[in-house]
Amino acid sequence: MDQKKKKEVVRAIKFALFSASAGLIQAATIYLLETFSSLPSWACYLIGLVLSVLWNFTLNRKFTFQSAANVPVAMLKVAAFYVVFTPLSTWGVKYLTETAHWLPLFADALAMVTNLVTEFLYQRFFVFGASIDTAVKKKEPSE
């Protein structure tokens, strides 16, 4: 495997691991809200999603894509993704749990896997595509 492909594989693995940590935050939030509140499943999902997005964006911008891109602009691009993804996934979770009678855990898991794949592609090629590895620190010459 050439160096460029290896770097992309490592980038995808980092993204998946950071997204898994965000997924744990999302799942824990959903579980706690569904257990200890009277909110409907779709609202618990939405709150968990927002918390995980903030976590995931922060870690992936710094460590996965190592981008020096303008943070507000990059966050607006991610927000644009979620302007589309959030209503679709919230509706999907609502449909699967209330109409198709799926367990919320399975509906949430499907939404999270869909999010993982689509968001990686979106961030890799649109949000950070032109600015990948621009924040890599240069080594200081030894004195």
N, C-alpha and C. Protein backbone atom coordinates (compact mmCIF):
# COMPACT_ATOMS: atom_id res chain seq x y z
N MET A 1 0.85 -1.18 0.00
CA MET A 1 0.00 0.00 0.00
C MET A 1 0.90 1.24 0.00
N ASP A 2 0.62 2.16 -0.91
CA ASP A 2 1.45 3.36 -0.97
C ASP A 2 1.14 4.30 0.20
N GLN A 3 1.99 5.26 0.41
CA GLN A 3 1.91 6.16 1.56
C GLN A 3 0.61 6.95 1.60
N LYS A 4 0.14 7.40 0.43
CA LYS A 4 -1.09 8.19 0.38
C LYS A 4 -2.30 7.36 0.79
N LYS A 5 -2.38 6.14 0.30
CA LYS A 5 -3.49 5.26 0.67
C LYS A 5 -3.44 4.91 2.14
N LYS A 6 -2.24 4.65 2.64
CA LYS A 6 -2.07 4.32 4.05
C LYS A 6 -2.55 5.48 4.93
N LYS A 7 -2.21 6.70 4.53
CA LYS A 7 -2.63 7.88 5.29
C LYS A 7 -4.15 8.01 5.31
N GLU A 8 -4.79 7.71 4.18
CA GLU A 8 -6.26 7.78 4.12
C GLU A 8 -6.91 6.68 4.96
N VAL A 9 -6.32 5.51 4.98
CA VAL A 9 -6.84 4.43 5.83
C VAL A 9 -6.74 4.83 7.30
N VAL A 10 -5.59 5.38 7.68
CA VAL A 10 -5.41 5.84 9.06
C VAL A 10 -6.42 6.94 9.38
N ARG A 11 -6.64 7.85 8.42
CA ARG A 11 -7.62 8.93 8.62
C ARG A 11 -9.02 8.36 8.83
N ALA A 12 -9.40 7.37 8.05
CA ALA A 12 -10.72 6.75 8.18
C ALA A 12 -10.85 6.03 9.52
N ILE A 13 -9.78 5.38 9.96
CA ILE A 13 -9.81 4.70 11.25
C ILE A 13 -9.95 5.71 12.39
N LYS A 14 -9.18 6.80 12.33
CA LYS A 14 -9.31 7.86 13.34
C LYS A 14 -10.74 8.40 13.37
N PHE A 15 -11.28 8.67 12.19
CA PHE A 15 -12.64 9.21 12.13
C PHE A 15 -13.61 8.23 12.77
N ALA A 16 -13.47 6.96 12.47
CA ALA A 16 -14.37 5.94 13.03
C ALA A 16 -14.23 5.87 14.55
N LEU A 17 -13.01 5.94 15.05
CA LEU A 17 -12.81 5.87 16.50
C LEU A 17 -13.37 7.10 17.22
N PHE A 18 -13.10 8.28 16.67
CA PHE A 18 -13.66 9.49 17.29
C PHE A 18 -15.18 9.49 17.17
N SER A 19 -15.68 9.01 16.06
CA SER A 19 -17.13 8.93 15.88
C SER A 19 -17.73 7.92 16.85
N ALA A 20 -17.00 6.84 17.12
CA ALA A 20 -17.47 5.87 18.12
C ALA A 20 -17.58 6.53 19.49
N SER A 21 -16.59 7.36 19.83
CA SER A 21 -16.67 8.05 21.12
C SER A 21 -17.86 9.01 21.14
N ALA A 22 -18.09 9.68 20.01
CA ALA A 22 -19.27 10.55 19.91
C ALA A 22 -20.55 9.71 19.97
N GLY A 23 -20.50 8.53 19.37
CA GLY A 23 -21.65 7.63 19.43
C GLY A 23 -21.95 7.19 20.86
N LEU A 24 -20.91 6.98 21.65
CA LEU A 24 -21.12 6.63 23.06
C LEU A 24 -21.78 7.78 23.81
N ILE A 25 -21.34 9.00 23.52
CA ILE A 25 -21.97 10.17 24.14
C ILE A 25 -23.44 10.25 23.72
N GLN A 26 -23.68 10.05 22.42
CA GLN A 26 -25.05 10.10 21.91
C GLN A 26 -25.89 8.99 22.53
N ALA A 27 -25.38 7.77 22.55
CA ALA A 27 -26.14 6.63 23.09
C ALA A 27 -26.42 6.82 24.58
N ALA A 28 -25.42 7.28 25.32
CA ALA A 28 -25.61 7.50 26.76
C ALA A 28 -26.66 8.59 27.00
N THR A 29 -26.59 9.65 26.21
CA THR A 29 -27.57 10.73 26.35
C THR A 29 -28.97 10.21 26.06
N ILE A 30 -29.10 9.48 24.96
CA ILE A 30 -30.41 8.93 24.59
C ILE A 30 -30.93 8.01 25.69
N TYR A 31 -30.06 7.11 26.16
CA TYR A 31 -30.46 6.16 27.20
C TYR A 31 -30.93 6.90 28.46
N LEU A 32 -30.12 7.87 28.91
CA LEU A 32 -30.48 8.59 30.12
C LEU A 32 -31.79 9.37 29.96
N LEU A 33 -31.95 10.01 28.82
CA LEU A 33 -33.18 10.78 28.59
C LEU A 33 -34.40 9.86 28.47
N GLU A 34 -34.23 8.73 27.75
CA GLU A 34 -35.36 7.81 27.62
C GLU A 34 -35.71 7.15 28.95
N THR A 35 -34.71 6.96 29.81
CA THR A 35 -34.92 6.31 31.10
C THR A 35 -35.48 7.27 32.15
N PHE A 36 -34.96 8.49 32.17
CA PHE A 36 -35.28 9.40 33.27
C PHE A 36 -36.11 10.61 32.88
N SER A 37 -36.59 10.67 31.64
CA SER A 37 -37.46 11.78 31.25
C SER A 37 -38.68 11.23 30.54
N SER A 38 -39.61 12.10 30.30
CA SER A 38 -40.82 11.70 29.57
C SER A 38 -40.77 12.15 28.11
N LEU A 39 -39.60 12.53 27.65
CA LEU A 39 -39.46 12.96 26.26
C LEU A 39 -39.70 11.80 25.31
N PRO A 40 -40.27 12.05 24.14
CA PRO A 40 -40.42 10.97 23.15
C PRO A 40 -39.05 10.56 22.59
N SER A 41 -38.98 9.37 22.04
CA SER A 41 -37.71 8.82 21.53
C SER A 41 -37.04 9.76 20.54
N TRP A 42 -37.83 10.37 19.65
CA TRP A 42 -37.22 11.23 18.63
C TRP A 42 -36.55 12.44 19.26
N ALA A 43 -37.10 12.98 20.33
CA ALA A 43 -36.50 14.14 21.00
C ALA A 43 -35.22 13.73 21.74
N CYS A 44 -35.23 12.56 22.34
CA CYS A 44 -34.02 12.05 23.00
C CYS A 44 -32.91 11.87 21.97
N TYR A 45 -33.27 11.32 20.82
CA TYR A 45 -32.31 11.14 19.74
C TYR A 45 -31.73 12.48 19.29
N LEU A 46 -32.58 13.47 19.12
CA LEU A 46 -32.15 14.78 18.64
C LEU A 46 -31.16 15.44 19.61
N ILE A 47 -31.44 15.39 20.88
CA ILE A 47 -30.54 15.97 21.89
C ILE A 47 -29.20 15.23 21.88
N GLY A 48 -29.25 13.91 21.85
CA GLY A 48 -28.03 13.12 21.80
C GLY A 48 -27.21 13.42 20.56
N LEU A 49 -27.89 13.61 19.44
CA LEU A 49 -27.21 13.91 18.18
C LEU A 49 -26.45 15.23 18.26
N VAL A 50 -27.08 16.26 18.79
CA VAL A 50 -26.44 17.57 18.89
C VAL A 50 -25.17 17.50 19.74
N LEU A 51 -25.25 16.82 20.87
CA LEU A 51 -24.08 16.70 21.74
C LEU A 51 -22.95 15.93 21.04
N SER A 52 -23.31 14.88 20.34
CA SER A 52 -22.28 14.08 19.67
C SER A 52 -21.64 14.83 18.50
N VAL A 53 -22.41 15.65 17.80
CA VAL A 53 -21.88 16.43 16.67
C VAL A 53 -20.82 17.41 17.16
N LEU A 54 -21.08 18.09 18.24
CA LEU A 54 -20.11 19.06 18.76
C LEU A 54 -18.81 18.36 19.16
N TRP A 55 -18.92 17.25 19.82
CA TRP A 55 -17.75 16.46 20.23
C TRP A 55 -16.97 15.97 19.00
N ASN A 56 -17.70 15.36 18.07
CA ASN A 56 -17.10 14.75 16.89
C ASN A 56 -16.40 15.79 16.01
N PHE A 57 -17.03 16.91 15.79
CA PHE A 57 -16.44 17.97 14.96
C PHE A 57 -15.12 18.43 15.56
N THR A 58 -15.12 18.69 16.84
CA THR A 58 -13.94 19.21 17.51
C THR A 58 -12.76 18.25 17.39
N LEU A 59 -12.98 16.99 17.69
CA LEU A 59 -11.89 16.01 17.64
C LEU A 59 -11.43 15.74 16.21
N ASN A 60 -12.36 15.58 15.29
CA ASN A 60 -11.97 15.25 13.93
C ASN A 60 -11.29 16.41 13.21
N ARG A 61 -11.69 17.64 13.48
CA ARG A 61 -11.02 18.78 12.85
C ARG A 61 -9.56 18.83 13.29
N LYS A 62 -9.34 18.63 14.57
CA LYS A 62 -7.98 18.76 15.11
C LYS A 62 -7.10 17.54 14.82
N PHE A 63 -7.62 16.34 15.02
CA PHE A 63 -6.77 15.15 14.98
C PHE A 63 -6.88 14.31 13.71
N THR A 64 -8.06 14.24 13.11
CA THR A 64 -8.23 13.40 11.92
C THR A 64 -7.84 14.16 10.66
N PHE A 65 -8.42 15.34 10.49
CA PHE A 65 -8.18 16.11 9.27
C PHE A 65 -7.08 17.14 9.46
N GLN A 66 -6.69 17.40 10.70
CA GLN A 66 -5.63 18.35 11.04
C GLN A 66 -5.74 19.62 10.21
N SER A 67 -6.90 20.21 10.31
CA SER A 67 -7.23 21.34 9.45
C SER A 67 -7.04 22.68 10.16
N ALA A 68 -6.44 23.60 9.43
CA ALA A 68 -6.32 24.98 9.91
C ALA A 68 -7.41 25.86 9.29
N ALA A 69 -8.40 25.22 8.71
CA ALA A 69 -9.49 25.96 8.08
C ALA A 69 -10.20 26.82 9.12
N ASN A 70 -10.81 27.88 8.65
CA ASN A 70 -11.59 28.76 9.49
C ASN A 70 -12.66 27.94 10.23
N VAL A 71 -12.58 27.89 11.56
CA VAL A 71 -13.47 27.05 12.35
C VAL A 71 -14.94 27.43 12.15
N PRO A 72 -15.32 28.71 12.23
CA PRO A 72 -16.73 29.03 12.02
C PRO A 72 -17.25 28.60 10.63
N VAL A 73 -16.43 28.76 9.61
CA VAL A 73 -16.84 28.34 8.26
C VAL A 73 -17.00 26.83 8.20
N ALA A 74 -16.02 26.11 8.77
CA ALA A 74 -16.11 24.64 8.78
C ALA A 74 -17.33 24.19 9.57
N MET A 75 -17.60 24.82 10.70
CA MET A 75 -18.77 24.44 11.51
C MET A 75 -20.06 24.76 10.77
N LEU A 76 -20.09 25.85 10.03
CA LEU A 76 -21.29 26.15 9.23
C LEU A 76 -21.51 25.09 8.15
N LYS A 77 -20.44 24.60 7.57
CA LYS A 77 -20.57 23.53 6.58
C LYS A 77 -21.12 22.26 7.23
N VAL A 78 -20.62 21.95 8.42
CA VAL A 78 -21.14 20.78 9.15
C VAL A 78 -22.59 21.02 9.54
N ALA A 79 -22.90 22.22 9.96
CA ALA A 79 -24.29 22.55 10.30
C ALA A 79 -25.20 22.36 9.09
N ALA A 80 -24.71 22.73 7.90
CA ALA A 80 -25.50 22.53 6.68
C ALA A 80 -25.79 21.05 6.44
N PHE A 81 -24.81 20.21 6.71
CA PHE A 81 -25.02 18.76 6.61
C PHE A 81 -26.16 18.34 7.53
N TYR A 82 -26.11 18.84 8.76
CA TYR A 82 -27.12 18.45 9.74
C TYR A 82 -28.48 19.10 9.52
N VAL A 83 -28.52 20.19 8.78
CA VAL A 83 -29.82 20.78 8.40
C VAL A 83 -30.60 19.77 7.55
N VAL A 84 -29.88 18.99 6.77
CA VAL A 84 -30.51 17.94 5.96
C VAL A 84 -30.60 16.63 6.74
N PHE A 85 -29.49 16.20 7.34
CA PHE A 85 -29.45 14.90 7.99
C PHE A 85 -30.37 14.82 9.20
N THR A 86 -30.41 15.85 10.04
CA THR A 86 -31.17 15.79 11.29
C THR A 86 -32.66 15.59 11.07
N PRO A 87 -33.32 16.37 10.22
CA PRO A 87 -34.75 16.11 10.03
C PRO A 87 -35.01 14.72 9.43
N LEU A 88 -34.17 14.32 8.47
CA LEU A 88 -34.37 13.00 7.87
C LEU A 88 -34.16 11.88 8.87
N SER A 89 -33.09 11.97 9.66
CA SER A 89 -32.83 10.91 10.63
C SER A 89 -33.82 10.94 11.79
N THR A 90 -34.22 12.14 12.22
CA THR A 90 -35.20 12.24 13.30
C THR A 90 -36.54 11.66 12.84
N TRP A 91 -36.94 12.00 11.62
CA TRP A 91 -38.17 11.43 11.08
C TRP A 91 -38.03 9.91 10.96
N GLY A 92 -36.87 9.45 10.50
CA GLY A 92 -36.65 8.01 10.35
C GLY A 92 -36.73 7.28 11.67
N VAL A 93 -36.10 7.84 12.71
CA VAL A 93 -36.16 7.22 14.04
C VAL A 93 -37.60 7.22 14.55
N LYS A 94 -38.29 8.33 14.34
CA LYS A 94 -39.69 8.42 14.76
C LYS A 94 -40.54 7.38 14.04
N TYR A 95 -40.36 7.26 12.73
CA TYR A 95 -41.11 6.28 11.95
C TYR A 95 -40.81 4.85 12.41
N LEU A 96 -39.52 4.55 12.54
CA LEU A 96 -39.14 3.18 12.90
C LEU A 96 -39.62 2.80 14.30
N THR A 97 -39.62 3.75 15.23
CA THR A 97 -40.04 3.41 16.60
C THR A 97 -41.55 3.48 16.79
N GLU A 98 -42.20 4.46 16.19
CA GLU A 98 -43.64 4.64 16.45
C GLU A 98 -44.53 3.92 15.46
N THR A 99 -44.11 3.78 14.21
CA THR A 99 -44.93 3.14 13.18
C THR A 99 -44.50 1.70 12.92
N ALA A 100 -43.20 1.50 12.74
CA ALA A 100 -42.71 0.16 12.44
C ALA A 100 -42.44 -0.64 13.72
N HIS A 101 -42.53 0.02 14.87
CA HIS A 101 -42.38 -0.61 16.19
C HIS A 101 -41.02 -1.26 16.42
N TRP A 102 -39.97 -0.62 15.86
CA TRP A 102 -38.61 -1.07 16.15
C TRP A 102 -38.28 -0.67 17.58
N LEU A 103 -37.38 -1.39 18.19
CA LEU A 103 -36.84 -0.94 19.46
C LEU A 103 -36.03 0.32 19.19
N PRO A 104 -36.13 1.32 20.06
CA PRO A 104 -35.38 2.56 19.83
C PRO A 104 -33.88 2.32 19.64
N LEU A 105 -33.33 1.35 20.33
CA LEU A 105 -31.91 1.05 20.21
C LEU A 105 -31.53 0.73 18.76
N PHE A 106 -32.34 -0.06 18.07
CA PHE A 106 -32.04 -0.43 16.69
C PHE A 106 -32.24 0.73 15.73
N ALA A 107 -33.28 1.51 15.95
CA ALA A 107 -33.51 2.69 15.11
C ALA A 107 -32.37 3.70 15.27
N ASP A 108 -31.96 3.93 16.51
CA ASP A 108 -30.86 4.85 16.77
C ASP A 108 -29.56 4.33 16.15
N ALA A 109 -29.32 3.04 16.27
CA ALA A 109 -28.09 2.45 15.71
C ALA A 109 -28.04 2.61 14.19
N LEU A 110 -29.16 2.39 13.51
CA LEU A 110 -29.20 2.56 12.05
C LEU A 110 -28.90 4.02 11.68
N ALA A 111 -29.49 4.94 12.41
CA ALA A 111 -29.24 6.36 12.14
C ALA A 111 -27.76 6.70 12.38
N MET A 112 -27.17 6.14 13.41
CA MET A 112 -25.77 6.44 13.74
C MET A 112 -24.81 5.88 12.68
N VAL A 113 -25.08 4.68 12.18
CA VAL A 113 -24.22 4.10 11.14
C VAL A 113 -24.34 4.90 9.84
N THR A 114 -25.55 5.27 9.50
CA THR A 114 -25.76 6.11 8.31
C THR A 114 -25.02 7.43 8.46
N ASN A 115 -25.08 8.00 9.64
CA ASN A 115 -24.39 9.25 9.92
C ASN A 115 -22.88 9.08 9.79
N LEU A 116 -22.33 8.00 10.32
CA LEU A 116 -20.89 7.76 10.26
C LEU A 116 -20.37 7.79 8.83
N VAL A 117 -21.01 7.05 7.97
CA VAL A 117 -20.55 6.93 6.58
C VAL A 117 -20.71 8.24 5.82
N THR A 118 -21.90 8.81 5.89
CA THR A 118 -22.16 10.02 5.11
C THR A 118 -21.37 11.22 5.62
N GLU A 119 -21.22 11.31 6.94
CA GLU A 119 -20.48 12.47 7.47
C GLU A 119 -18.99 12.36 7.18
N PHE A 120 -18.41 11.16 7.21
CA PHE A 120 -17.00 11.03 6.86
C PHE A 120 -16.76 11.54 5.44
N LEU A 121 -17.58 11.08 4.52
CA LEU A 121 -17.42 11.50 3.12
C LEU A 121 -17.61 13.00 2.96
N TYR A 122 -18.61 13.53 3.63
CA TYR A 122 -18.90 14.97 3.56
C TYR A 122 -17.74 15.79 4.12
N GLN A 123 -17.25 15.41 5.31
CA GLN A 123 -16.17 16.18 5.92
C GLN A 123 -14.86 16.00 5.15
N ARG A 124 -14.59 14.79 4.71
CA ARG A 124 -13.33 14.51 4.01
C ARG A 124 -13.22 15.30 2.71
N PHE A 125 -14.32 15.34 1.95
CA PHE A 125 -14.23 15.94 0.62
C PHE A 125 -14.79 17.36 0.52
N PHE A 126 -15.67 17.76 1.43
CA PHE A 126 -16.26 19.09 1.32
C PHE A 126 -15.81 20.03 2.43
N VAL A 127 -15.97 19.61 3.66
CA VAL A 127 -15.65 20.52 4.77
C VAL A 127 -14.15 20.78 4.86
N PHE A 128 -13.35 19.71 4.86
CA PHE A 128 -11.91 19.85 5.08
C PHE A 128 -11.07 19.49 3.86
N GLY A 129 -11.68 19.12 2.75
CA GLY A 129 -10.95 18.63 1.58
C GLY A 129 -9.75 19.45 1.18
N ALA A 130 -9.92 20.76 1.08
CA ALA A 130 -8.82 21.63 0.62
C ALA A 130 -7.86 22.01 1.74
N SER A 131 -8.24 21.74 2.99
CA SER A 131 -7.40 22.19 4.10
C SER A 131 -6.85 21.03 4.94
N ILE A 132 -6.95 19.81 4.44
CA ILE A 132 -6.45 18.66 5.19
C ILE A 132 -4.95 18.80 5.41
N ASP A 133 -4.55 18.51 6.63
CA ASP A 133 -3.15 18.52 7.05
C ASP A 133 -2.49 19.91 7.01
N THR A 134 -3.28 20.95 7.03
CA THR A 134 -2.71 22.30 7.04
C THR A 134 -2.33 22.75 8.44
N ALA A 135 -2.79 22.04 9.47
CA ALA A 135 -2.47 22.43 10.85
C ALA A 135 -1.36 21.58 11.44
N VAL A 136 -0.74 20.77 10.62
CA VAL A 136 0.35 19.92 11.11
C VAL A 136 1.50 20.82 11.54
N LYS A 137 1.96 20.58 12.75
CA LYS A 137 3.07 21.37 13.27
C LYS A 137 4.36 20.96 12.58
N LYS A 138 5.14 21.96 12.23
CA LYS A 138 6.45 21.69 11.64
C LYS A 138 7.45 21.53 12.76
N LYS A 139 8.33 20.58 12.58
CA LYS A 139 9.36 20.34 13.60
C LYS A 139 10.36 21.47 13.59
N GLU A 140 10.72 21.89 14.79
CA GLU A 140 11.72 22.93 14.94
C GLU A 140 13.09 22.31 14.71
N PRO A 141 13.98 23.04 14.05
CA PRO A 141 15.34 22.51 13.89
C PRO A 141 16.03 22.42 15.25
N SER A 142 16.83 21.39 15.42
CA SER A 142 17.55 21.22 16.68
C SER A 142 18.62 22.29 16.81
N GLU A 143 18.75 22.76 18.00
CA GLU A 143 19.75 23.82 18.22
C GLU A 143 21.02 23.24 18.76
